[in-house]
N, C-alpha and C. Protein backbone atom coordinates (compact mmCIF):
# COMPACT_ATOMS: atom_id res chain seq x y z
N MET A 1 93.54 80.78 86.03
CA MET A 1 93.38 81.74 85.23
C MET A 1 93.20 83.15 86.09
N THR A 2 93.87 84.06 85.75
CA THR A 2 94.09 85.32 86.55
C THR A 2 93.25 86.08 85.48
N ALA A 3 92.62 87.28 86.16
CA ALA A 3 91.76 88.44 85.62
C ALA A 3 92.66 89.08 84.65
N ASN A 4 92.13 89.18 83.41
CA ASN A 4 92.99 90.18 82.45
C ASN A 4 92.00 91.07 81.73
N VAL A 5 90.81 91.10 82.21
CA VAL A 5 89.95 92.08 81.58
C VAL A 5 89.20 93.21 82.45
N GLY A 6 89.68 94.37 82.32
CA GLY A 6 89.31 95.38 83.43
C GLY A 6 88.06 95.92 83.34
N GLY A 7 87.56 96.91 84.16
CA GLY A 7 86.18 97.25 84.37
C GLY A 7 85.27 97.91 83.06
N ILE A 8 85.89 98.90 82.50
CA ILE A 8 85.03 99.40 81.42
C ILE A 8 85.06 98.14 80.12
N ASP A 9 86.31 97.69 80.13
CA ASP A 9 86.30 96.61 78.88
C ASP A 9 85.29 95.52 79.22
N ARG A 10 85.19 94.98 80.51
CA ARG A 10 84.18 94.10 81.15
C ARG A 10 82.88 94.60 80.68
N VAL A 11 82.35 95.78 81.08
CA VAL A 11 80.99 96.33 80.92
C VAL A 11 80.82 96.16 79.41
N LEU A 12 81.67 96.58 78.51
CA LEU A 12 81.59 96.85 77.23
C LEU A 12 81.41 95.28 76.42
N ARG A 13 81.86 94.34 77.01
CA ARG A 13 81.77 92.98 76.67
C ARG A 13 80.45 92.31 76.73
N ILE A 14 80.03 92.69 78.18
CA ILE A 14 78.82 92.06 78.72
C ILE A 14 77.72 92.67 77.76
N VAL A 15 77.88 94.18 77.63
CA VAL A 15 76.98 94.90 76.87
C VAL A 15 76.58 94.28 75.39
N ALA A 16 77.73 94.05 74.38
CA ALA A 16 77.79 93.69 73.09
C ALA A 16 77.37 92.29 73.23
N GLY A 17 77.95 91.40 74.01
CA GLY A 17 77.21 89.93 74.15
C GLY A 17 75.80 89.91 74.25
N LEU A 18 75.19 90.85 75.02
CA LEU A 18 73.76 90.79 75.35
C LEU A 18 73.15 91.50 73.96
N VAL A 19 73.49 92.37 73.42
CA VAL A 19 73.08 92.81 72.03
C VAL A 19 73.04 91.89 71.08
N LEU A 20 73.95 91.30 70.89
CA LEU A 20 74.37 90.15 69.90
C LEU A 20 73.07 89.10 69.98
N MET A 21 72.96 88.50 71.25
CA MET A 21 72.23 87.56 71.65
C MET A 21 70.66 88.17 71.39
N ALA A 22 70.55 89.50 71.80
CA ALA A 22 69.13 89.81 71.43
C ALA A 22 68.86 90.17 69.72
N LEU A 23 69.77 90.70 69.32
CA LEU A 23 69.70 90.36 67.58
C LEU A 23 69.39 89.04 67.28
N ALA A 24 69.97 88.18 67.69
CA ALA A 24 69.78 86.71 67.13
C ALA A 24 68.26 86.24 67.52
N ALA A 25 67.91 86.68 68.76
CA ALA A 25 66.79 86.15 69.00
C ALA A 25 65.67 86.89 68.27
N ALA A 26 65.69 88.05 67.57
CA ALA A 26 64.86 88.87 67.10
C ALA A 26 64.97 88.56 65.59
N ASN A 27 65.89 87.56 65.13
CA ASN A 27 65.96 87.09 63.90
C ASN A 27 66.71 88.35 62.94
N VAL A 28 67.32 89.06 63.50
CA VAL A 28 68.14 90.24 62.49
C VAL A 28 69.40 89.54 62.07
N VAL A 29 70.02 88.91 63.16
CA VAL A 29 71.33 88.14 62.49
C VAL A 29 71.18 86.70 62.76
N GLY A 30 71.95 85.75 62.13
CA GLY A 30 71.85 84.44 62.40
C GLY A 30 72.26 83.65 63.52
N LEU A 31 72.45 82.51 63.68
CA LEU A 31 72.81 81.79 64.78
C LEU A 31 74.15 82.19 65.51
N TRP A 32 75.01 82.61 64.35
CA TRP A 32 76.27 83.18 65.08
C TRP A 32 76.20 84.18 66.08
N GLY A 33 75.10 84.83 66.07
CA GLY A 33 74.90 86.02 67.15
C GLY A 33 75.02 85.26 68.37
N TYR A 34 74.29 84.22 68.58
CA TYR A 34 74.19 83.44 69.87
C TYR A 34 75.62 83.01 70.25
N ILE A 35 76.07 82.53 69.25
CA ILE A 35 77.78 81.73 69.58
C ILE A 35 78.56 82.96 69.86
N VAL A 36 78.75 83.91 69.02
CA VAL A 36 79.77 85.04 69.31
C VAL A 36 79.16 85.86 70.64
N GLY A 37 78.05 86.35 70.72
CA GLY A 37 77.52 86.96 71.77
C GLY A 37 77.76 86.17 73.12
N GLY A 38 77.67 84.80 73.16
CA GLY A 38 77.85 83.92 74.52
C GLY A 38 79.19 83.95 74.56
N ILE A 39 80.07 83.99 73.79
CA ILE A 39 81.69 83.92 73.94
C ILE A 39 81.98 85.38 74.59
N VAL A 40 81.66 86.37 74.06
CA VAL A 40 81.94 87.81 74.23
C VAL A 40 81.50 87.95 75.72
N MET A 41 80.26 87.84 75.88
CA MET A 41 79.70 88.05 77.26
C MET A 41 80.31 87.04 78.27
N ALA A 42 80.55 85.97 78.09
CA ALA A 42 81.34 84.93 78.97
C ALA A 42 82.90 85.65 79.29
N THR A 43 83.52 86.20 78.24
CA THR A 43 84.80 86.89 78.82
C THR A 43 84.57 87.97 79.64
N GLY A 44 83.59 88.64 79.37
CA GLY A 44 83.14 89.84 80.63
C GLY A 44 83.06 89.52 81.69
N VAL A 45 81.93 88.24 81.84
CA VAL A 45 81.68 87.77 83.18
C VAL A 45 82.71 87.30 84.14
N PHE A 46 83.38 86.41 83.44
CA PHE A 46 84.69 85.79 83.95
C PHE A 46 85.78 86.46 84.16
N ARG A 47 85.93 87.70 83.45
CA ARG A 47 86.95 88.51 83.62
C ARG A 47 88.28 88.10 82.75
N PHE A 48 88.25 87.03 81.96
CA PHE A 48 89.46 86.50 81.47
C PHE A 48 89.34 86.35 79.98
N CYS A 49 90.05 86.69 79.03
CA CYS A 49 90.09 86.65 77.83
C CYS A 49 91.45 85.87 77.28
N GLY A 50 90.93 84.83 76.81
CA GLY A 50 92.18 83.88 76.16
C GLY A 50 93.09 84.67 75.04
N ALA A 51 92.25 85.39 74.15
CA ALA A 51 93.12 86.24 73.25
C ALA A 51 94.03 87.19 73.89
N TYR A 52 93.64 87.79 75.07
CA TYR A 52 94.43 88.53 75.76
C TYR A 52 95.68 88.10 75.93
N THR A 53 95.64 86.75 76.73
CA THR A 53 96.64 86.25 77.08
C THR A 53 97.74 85.77 75.95
N LEU A 54 97.14 85.51 75.06
CA LEU A 54 97.98 85.15 73.50
C LEU A 54 98.75 86.36 73.15
N LEU A 55 98.11 87.67 73.29
CA LEU A 55 98.67 88.84 72.89
C LEU A 55 99.35 89.46 73.77
N GLY A 56 99.48 89.02 75.15
CA GLY A 56 100.27 89.66 76.16
C GLY A 56 99.35 91.16 76.69
N LEU A 57 98.19 91.07 76.67
CA LEU A 57 97.35 92.25 76.92
C LEU A 57 96.76 92.14 78.28
N ASN A 58 96.50 93.18 78.96
CA ASN A 58 95.71 93.00 80.27
C ASN A 58 95.02 94.50 80.48
N THR A 59 93.98 94.49 80.68
CA THR A 59 93.30 95.70 81.11
C THR A 59 92.79 95.90 82.37
N CYS A 60 92.98 94.83 83.15
CA CYS A 60 92.73 94.56 84.36
C CYS A 60 93.58 95.41 85.55
N PRO A 61 93.14 96.19 86.20
CA PRO A 61 94.24 96.97 87.13
C PRO A 61 94.47 96.18 88.20
N LEU A 62 93.98 94.92 88.75
CA LEU A 62 94.41 94.20 89.57
C LEU A 62 95.49 93.70 89.58
N LYS A 63 96.31 93.58 90.83
CA LYS A 63 97.59 93.08 90.74
C LYS A 63 97.67 91.88 91.43
N VAL A 64 98.31 90.81 90.95
CA VAL A 64 98.61 89.53 91.62
C VAL A 64 99.42 89.55 93.01
N VAL A 65 99.12 89.37 94.15
CA VAL A 65 99.84 89.30 95.18
C VAL A 65 100.18 88.00 95.53
N GLU A 66 101.55 87.87 95.69
CA GLU A 66 102.32 86.74 95.89
C GLU A 66 102.53 86.37 97.32
N GLU A 67 102.00 85.25 97.56
CA GLU A 67 102.31 84.71 98.98
C GLU A 67 103.73 84.38 99.51
N GLU A 68 103.99 84.55 100.59
CA GLU A 68 105.34 84.43 101.32
C GLU A 68 105.27 83.00 101.61
N PRO A 69 106.54 82.26 101.36
CA PRO A 69 106.51 80.93 101.59
C PRO A 69 106.32 80.78 103.23
N ALA A 70 105.80 79.31 103.46
CA ALA A 70 105.42 79.26 104.79
C ALA A 70 106.67 78.49 105.44
N MET A 71 107.03 78.75 106.52
CA MET A 71 108.11 78.27 107.27
C MET A 71 107.65 77.09 108.20
């Protein structure tokens, strides 16, 4: 898995996930708050979003460095 979630996107995902899980803990939203909040937060923590891969999106400024073949 290569990182495809950038800095601002990452922070927003983690905050949104925590807010959803806090709302679920306070019984403002249902069980879906834990599930969706956990998924959103995990995509921010691991810097990888499967939907971005399917859509061909990438907000991460990091470039993949290709290694030179060993001789």
